[in-house]
Amino acid sequence: MDPMAKMWLSLVAILIMGVSVFLITFARSKTKGVIRVVLSVVAFVTMIIGFLGGVASIM
């Protein structure tokens, strides 16, 4: 992978992790019940995707 592609991949991974942080913060402060659980699971999945994108940009 060329350096520019790695740069863009790492930038997208950082943005995805930012979205997951926003989701978990929103879920814990503003929601209750099933919606909170669903948003927390979505945030966890997006964090894993961001992590994998970051690892892929290193390799």
PDB file of N, CA and C in Angstrom:
ATOM      1  N   MET A   1       0.853  -1.166   0.000  1.00  0.00           N
ATOM      2  CA  MET A   1       0.000   0.000   0.000  1.00  0.00           C
ATOM      3  C   MET A   1       0.909   1.242   0.000  1.00  0.00           C
ATOM      4  N   ASP A   2       0.577   2.193  -0.835  1.00  0.00           N
ATOM      5  CA  ASP A   2       1.397   3.400  -0.922  1.00  0.00           C
ATOM      6  C   ASP A   2       1.140   4.321   0.278  1.00  0.00           C
ATOM      7  N   PRO A   3       2.063   5.229   0.559  1.00  0.00           N
ATOM      8  CA  PRO A   3       1.937   6.075   1.751  1.00  0.00           C
ATOM      9  C   PRO A   3       0.673   6.929   1.783  1.00  0.00           C
ATOM     10  N   MET A   4       0.210   7.418   0.645  1.00  0.00           N
ATOM     11  CA  MET A   4      -1.010   8.237   0.645  1.00  0.00           C
ATOM     12  C   MET A   4      -2.237   7.411   1.032  1.00  0.00           C
ATOM     13  N   ALA A   5      -2.306   6.186   0.548  1.00  0.00           N
ATOM     14  CA  ALA A   5      -3.420   5.313   0.914  1.00  0.00           C
ATOM     15  C   ALA A   5      -3.393   5.004   2.408  1.00  0.00           C
ATOM     16  N   LYS A   6      -2.190   4.793   2.950  1.00  0.00           N
ATOM     17  CA  LYS A   6      -2.065   4.559   4.386  1.00  0.00           C
ATOM     18  C   LYS A   6      -2.532   5.780   5.174  1.00  0.00           C
ATOM     19  N   MET A   7      -2.179   6.970   4.687  1.00  0.00           N
ATOM     20  CA  MET A   7      -2.591   8.187   5.364  1.00  0.00           C
ATOM     21  C   MET A   7      -4.109   8.304   5.398  1.00  0.00           C
ATOM     22  N   TRP A   8      -4.747   8.082   4.247  1.00  0.00           N
ATOM     23  CA  TRP A   8      -6.202   8.206   4.191  1.00  0.00           C
ATOM     24  C   TRP A   8      -6.886   7.132   5.029  1.00  0.00           C
ATOM     25  N   LEU A   9      -6.331   5.929   5.020  1.00  0.00           N
ATOM     26  CA  LEU A   9      -6.906   4.851   5.818  1.00  0.00           C
ATOM     27  C   LEU A   9      -6.800   5.170   7.306  1.00  0.00           C
ATOM     28  N   SER A  10      -5.678   5.700   7.732  1.00  0.00           N
ATOM     29  CA  SER A  10      -5.532   6.043   9.147  1.00  0.00           C
ATOM     30  C   SER A  10      -6.447   7.211   9.520  1.00  0.00           C
ATOM     31  N   LEU A  11      -6.624   8.166   8.626  1.00  0.00           N
ATOM     32  CA  LEU A  11      -7.532   9.281   8.889  1.00  0.00           C
ATOM     33  C   LEU A  11      -8.970   8.797   9.029  1.00  0.00           C
ATOM     34  N   VAL A  12      -9.388   7.906   8.154  1.00  0.00           N
ATOM     35  CA  VAL A  12     -10.738   7.344   8.238  1.00  0.00           C
ATOM     36  C   VAL A  12     -10.898   6.541   9.526  1.00  0.00           C
ATOM     37  N   ALA A  13      -9.867   5.797   9.920  1.00  0.00           N
ATOM     38  CA  ALA A  13      -9.934   5.024  11.161  1.00  0.00           C
ATOM     39  C   ALA A  13     -10.084   5.946  12.368  1.00  0.00           C
ATOM     40  N   ILE A  14      -9.373   7.067  12.366  1.00  0.00           N
ATOM     41  CA  ILE A  14      -9.489   8.028  13.460  1.00  0.00           C
ATOM     42  C   ILE A  14     -10.898   8.619  13.503  1.00  0.00           C
ATOM     43  N   LEU A  15     -11.442   8.959  12.347  1.00  0.00           N
ATOM     44  CA  LEU A  15     -12.795   9.513  12.298  1.00  0.00           C
ATOM     45  C   LEU A  15     -13.838   8.497  12.762  1.00  0.00           C
ATOM     46  N   ILE A  16     -13.671   7.244  12.384  1.00  0.00           N
ATOM     47  CA  ILE A  16     -14.596   6.193  12.820  1.00  0.00           C
ATOM     48  C   ILE A  16     -14.529   6.025  14.334  1.00  0.00           C
ATOM     49  N   MET A  17     -13.333   6.080  14.901  1.00  0.00           N
ATOM     50  CA  MET A  17     -13.207   5.989  16.354  1.00  0.00           C
ATOM     51  C   MET A  17     -13.851   7.194  17.033  1.00  0.00           C
ATOM     52  N   GLY A  18     -13.737   8.369  16.418  1.00  0.00           N
ATOM     53  CA  GLY A  18     -14.404   9.550  16.961  1.00  0.00           C
ATOM     54  C   GLY A  18     -15.911   9.399  16.968  1.00  0.00           C
ATOM     55  N   VAL A  19     -16.456   8.815  15.911  1.00  0.00           N
ATOM     56  CA  VAL A  19     -17.895   8.563  15.853  1.00  0.00           C
ATOM     57  C   VAL A  19     -18.308   7.592  16.952  1.00  0.00           C
ATOM     58  N   SER A  20     -17.494   6.576  17.177  1.00  0.00           N
ATOM     59  CA  SER A  20     -17.846   5.613  18.220  1.00  0.00           C
ATOM     60  C   SER A  20     -17.799   6.246  19.612  1.00  0.00           C
ATOM     61  N   VAL A  21     -16.843   7.139  19.846  1.00  0.00           N
ATOM     62  CA  VAL A  21     -16.791   7.842  21.135  1.00  0.00           C
ATOM     63  C   VAL A  21     -18.030   8.718  21.309  1.00  0.00           C
ATOM     64  N   PHE A  22     -18.423   9.419  20.254  1.00  0.00           N
ATOM     65  CA  PHE A  22     -19.639  10.232  20.316  1.00  0.00           C
ATOM     66  C   PHE A  22     -20.855   9.359  20.600  1.00  0.00           C
ATOM     67  N   LEU A  23     -20.953   8.218  19.933  1.00  0.00           N
ATOM     68  CA  LEU A  23     -22.098   7.328  20.136  1.00  0.00           C
ATOM     69  C   LEU A  23     -22.177   6.821  21.576  1.00  0.00           C
ATOM     70  N   ILE A  24     -21.057   6.391  22.132  1.00  0.00           N
ATOM     71  CA  ILE A  24     -21.103   5.846  23.482  1.00  0.00           C
ATOM     72  C   ILE A  24     -21.388   6.945  24.494  1.00  0.00           C
ATOM     73  N   THR A  25     -20.873   8.142  24.258  1.00  0.00           N
ATOM     74  CA  THR A  25     -21.165   9.262  25.155  1.00  0.00           C
ATOM     75  C   THR A  25     -22.639   9.626  25.096  1.00  0.00           C
ATOM     76  N   PHE A  26     -23.183   9.682  23.893  1.00  0.00           N
ATOM     77  CA  PHE A  26     -24.604   9.981  23.723  1.00  0.00           C
ATOM     78  C   PHE A  26     -25.465   8.897  24.360  1.00  0.00           C
ATOM     79  N   ALA A  27     -25.107   7.641  24.134  1.00  0.00           N
ATOM     80  CA  ALA A  27     -25.903   6.534  24.660  1.00  0.00           C
ATOM     81  C   ALA A  27     -25.931   6.550  26.186  1.00  0.00           C
ATOM     82  N   ARG A  28     -24.810   6.841  26.801  1.00  0.00           N
ATOM     83  CA  ARG A  28     -24.766   6.786  28.266  1.00  0.00           C
ATOM     84  C   ARG A  28     -25.372   8.004  28.924  1.00  0.00           C
ATOM     85  N   SER A  29     -25.393   9.133  28.228  1.00  0.00           N
ATOM     86  CA  SER A  29     -25.906  10.342  28.888  1.00  0.00           C
ATOM     87  C   SER A  29     -27.361  10.650  28.547  1.00  0.00           C
ATOM     88  N   LYS A  30     -27.844  10.267  27.389  1.00  0.00           N
ATOM     89  CA  LYS A  30     -29.169  10.706  26.948  1.00  0.00           C
ATOM     90  C   LYS A  30     -30.202   9.602  26.783  1.00  0.00           C
ATOM     91  N   THR A  31     -29.800   8.353  26.777  1.00  0.00           N
ATOM     92  CA  THR A  31     -30.763   7.289  26.485  1.00  0.00           C
ATOM     93  C   THR A  31     -30.872   6.311  27.646  1.00  0.00           C
ATOM     94  N   LYS A  32     -31.933   5.491  27.591  1.00  0.00           N
ATOM     95  CA  LYS A  32     -32.179   4.461  28.598  1.00  0.00           C
ATOM     96  C   LYS A  32     -32.704   3.208  27.911  1.00  0.00           C
ATOM     97  N   GLY A  33     -32.564   2.106  28.588  1.00  0.00           N
ATOM     98  CA  GLY A  33     -33.180   0.867  28.148  1.00  0.00           C
ATOM     99  C   GLY A  33     -32.542   0.243  26.921  1.00  0.00           C
ATOM    100  N   VAL A  34     -33.413  -0.238  26.037  1.00  0.00           N
ATOM    101  CA  VAL A  34     -32.971  -0.982  24.860  1.00  0.00           C
ATOM    102  C   VAL A  34     -32.182  -0.095  23.904  1.00  0.00           C
ATOM    103  N   ILE A  35     -32.584   1.153  23.765  1.00  0.00           N
ATOM    104  CA  ILE A  35     -31.876   2.060  22.854  1.00  0.00           C
ATOM    105  C   ILE A  35     -30.437   2.258  23.328  1.00  0.00           C
ATOM    106  N   ARG A  36     -30.244   2.340  24.635  1.00  0.00           N
ATOM    107  CA  ARG A  36     -28.895   2.494  25.179  1.00  0.00           C
ATOM    108  C   ARG A  36     -28.032   1.287  24.852  1.00  0.00           C
ATOM    109  N   VAL A  37     -28.593   0.109  24.990  1.00  0.00           N
ATOM    110  CA  VAL A  37     -27.849  -1.121  24.694  1.00  0.00           C
ATOM    111  C   VAL A  37     -27.509  -1.196  23.212  1.00  0.00           C
ATOM    112  N   VAL A  38     -28.482  -0.882  22.370  1.00  0.00           N
ATOM    113  CA  VAL A  38     -28.252  -0.936  20.917  1.00  0.00           C
ATOM    114  C   VAL A  38     -27.174   0.061  20.509  1.00  0.00           C
ATOM    115  N   LEU A  39     -27.253   1.289  21.010  1.00  0.00           N
ATOM    116  CA  LEU A  39     -26.238   2.286  20.668  1.00  0.00           C
ATOM    117  C   LEU A  39     -24.865   1.893  21.203  1.00  0.00           C
ATOM    118  N   SER A  40     -24.819   1.288  22.366  1.00  0.00           N
ATOM    119  CA  SER A  40     -23.542   0.841  22.918  1.00  0.00           C
ATOM    120  C   SER A  40     -22.925  -0.268  22.068  1.00  0.00           C
ATOM    121  N   VAL A  41     -23.753  -1.182  21.604  1.00  0.00           N
ATOM    122  CA  VAL A  41     -23.253  -2.262  20.745  1.00  0.00           C
ATOM    123  C   VAL A  41     -22.766  -1.693  19.409  1.00  0.00           C
ATOM    124  N   VAL A  42     -23.522  -0.768  18.839  1.00  0.00           N
ATOM    125  CA  VAL A  42     -23.102  -0.132  17.579  1.00  0.00           C
ATOM    126  C   VAL A  42     -21.786   0.612  17.783  1.00  0.00           C
ATOM    127  N   ALA A  43     -21.648   1.311  18.916  1.00  0.00           N
ATOM    128  CA  ALA A  43     -20.408   2.024  19.205  1.00  0.00           C
ATOM    129  C   ALA A  43     -19.238   1.061  19.351  1.00  0.00           C
ATOM    130  N   PHE A  44     -19.462  -0.070  19.996  1.00  0.00           N
ATOM    131  CA  PHE A  44     -18.410  -1.063  20.149  1.00  0.00           C
ATOM    132  C   PHE A  44     -17.984  -1.628  18.793  1.00  0.00           C
ATOM    133  N   VAL A  45     -18.951  -1.929  17.945  1.00  0.00           N
ATOM    134  CA  VAL A  45     -18.633  -2.470  16.614  1.00  0.00           C
ATOM    135  C   VAL A  45     -17.870  -1.440  15.783  1.00  0.00           C
ATOM    136  N   THR A  46     -18.290  -0.175  15.844  1.00  0.00           N
ATOM    137  CA  THR A  46     -17.566   0.844  15.076  1.00  0.00           C
ATOM    138  C   THR A  46     -16.164   1.054  15.638  1.00  0.00           C
ATOM    139  N   MET A  47     -15.987   0.908  16.944  1.00  0.00           N
ATOM    140  CA  MET A  47     -14.647   1.013  17.522  1.00  0.00           C
ATOM    141  C   MET A  47     -13.745  -0.108  17.020  1.00  0.00           C
ATOM    142  N   ILE A  48     -14.281  -1.316  16.930  1.00  0.00           N
ATOM    143  CA  ILE A  48     -13.506  -2.443  16.407  1.00  0.00           C
ATOM    144  C   ILE A  48     -13.130  -2.193  14.946  1.00  0.00           C
ATOM    145  N   ILE A  49     -14.069  -1.683  14.151  1.00  0.00           N
ATOM    146  CA  ILE A  49     -13.786  -1.383  12.746  1.00  0.00           C
ATOM    147  C   ILE A  49     -12.698  -0.308  12.644  1.00  0.00           C
ATOM    148  N   GLY A  50     -12.782   0.721  13.472  1.00  0.00           N
ATOM    149  CA  GLY A  50     -11.753   1.753  13.479  1.00  0.00           C
ATOM    150  C   GLY A  50     -10.400   1.211  13.891  1.00  0.00           C
ATOM    151  N   PHE A  51     -10.392   0.330  14.885  1.00  0.00           N
ATOM    152  CA  PHE A  51      -9.147  -0.300  15.318  1.00  0.00           C
ATOM    153  C   PHE A  51      -8.523  -1.122  14.205  1.00  0.00           C
ATOM    154  N   LEU A  52      -9.341  -1.906  13.526  1.00  0.00           N
ATOM    155  CA  LEU A  52      -8.823  -2.720  12.423  1.00  0.00           C
ATOM    156  C   LEU A  52      -8.304  -1.855  11.287  1.00  0.00           C
ATOM    157  N   GLY A  53      -8.979  -0.732  11.014  1.00  0.00           N
ATOM    158  CA  GLY A  53      -8.494   0.197  10.006  1.00  0.00           C
ATOM    159  C   GLY A  53      -7.161   0.804  10.400  1.00  0.00           C
ATOM    160  N   GLY A  54      -6.996   1.132  11.682  1.00  0.00           N
ATOM    161  CA  GLY A  54      -5.725   1.655  12.160  1.00  0.00           C
ATOM    162  C   GLY A  54      -4.613   0.633  12.066  1.00  0.00           C
ATOM    163  N   VAL A  55      -4.908  -0.593  12.417  1.00  0.00           N
ATOM    164  CA  VAL A  55      -3.898  -1.658  12.305  1.00  0.00           C
ATOM    165  C   VAL A  55      -3.533  -1.889  10.845  1.00  0.00           C
ATOM    166  N   ALA A  56      -4.515  -1.843   9.961  1.00  0.00           N
ATOM    167  CA  ALA A  56      -4.238  -2.048   8.531  1.00  0.00           C
ATOM    168  C   ALA A  56      -3.391  -0.911   7.980  1.00  0.00           C
ATOM    169  N   SER A  57      -3.546   0.290   8.510  1.00  0.00           N
ATOM    170  CA  SER A  57      -2.745   1.403   8.000  1.00  0.00           C
ATOM    171  C   SER A  57      -1.301   1.315   8.460  1.00  0.00           C
ATOM    172  N   ILE A  58      -1.048   0.623   9.546  1.00  0.00           N
ATOM    173  CA  ILE A  58       0.331   0.444  10.020  1.00  0.00           C
ATOM    174  C   ILE A  58       1.069  -0.579   9.173  1.00  0.00           C
ATOM    175  N   MET A  59       0.384  -1.603   8.739  1.00  0.00           N
ATOM    176  CA  MET A  59       1.037  -2.693   8.010  1.00  0.00           C
ATOM    177  C   MET A  59       1.391  -2.310   6.604  1.00  0.00           C
TER     178      MET A  59
END
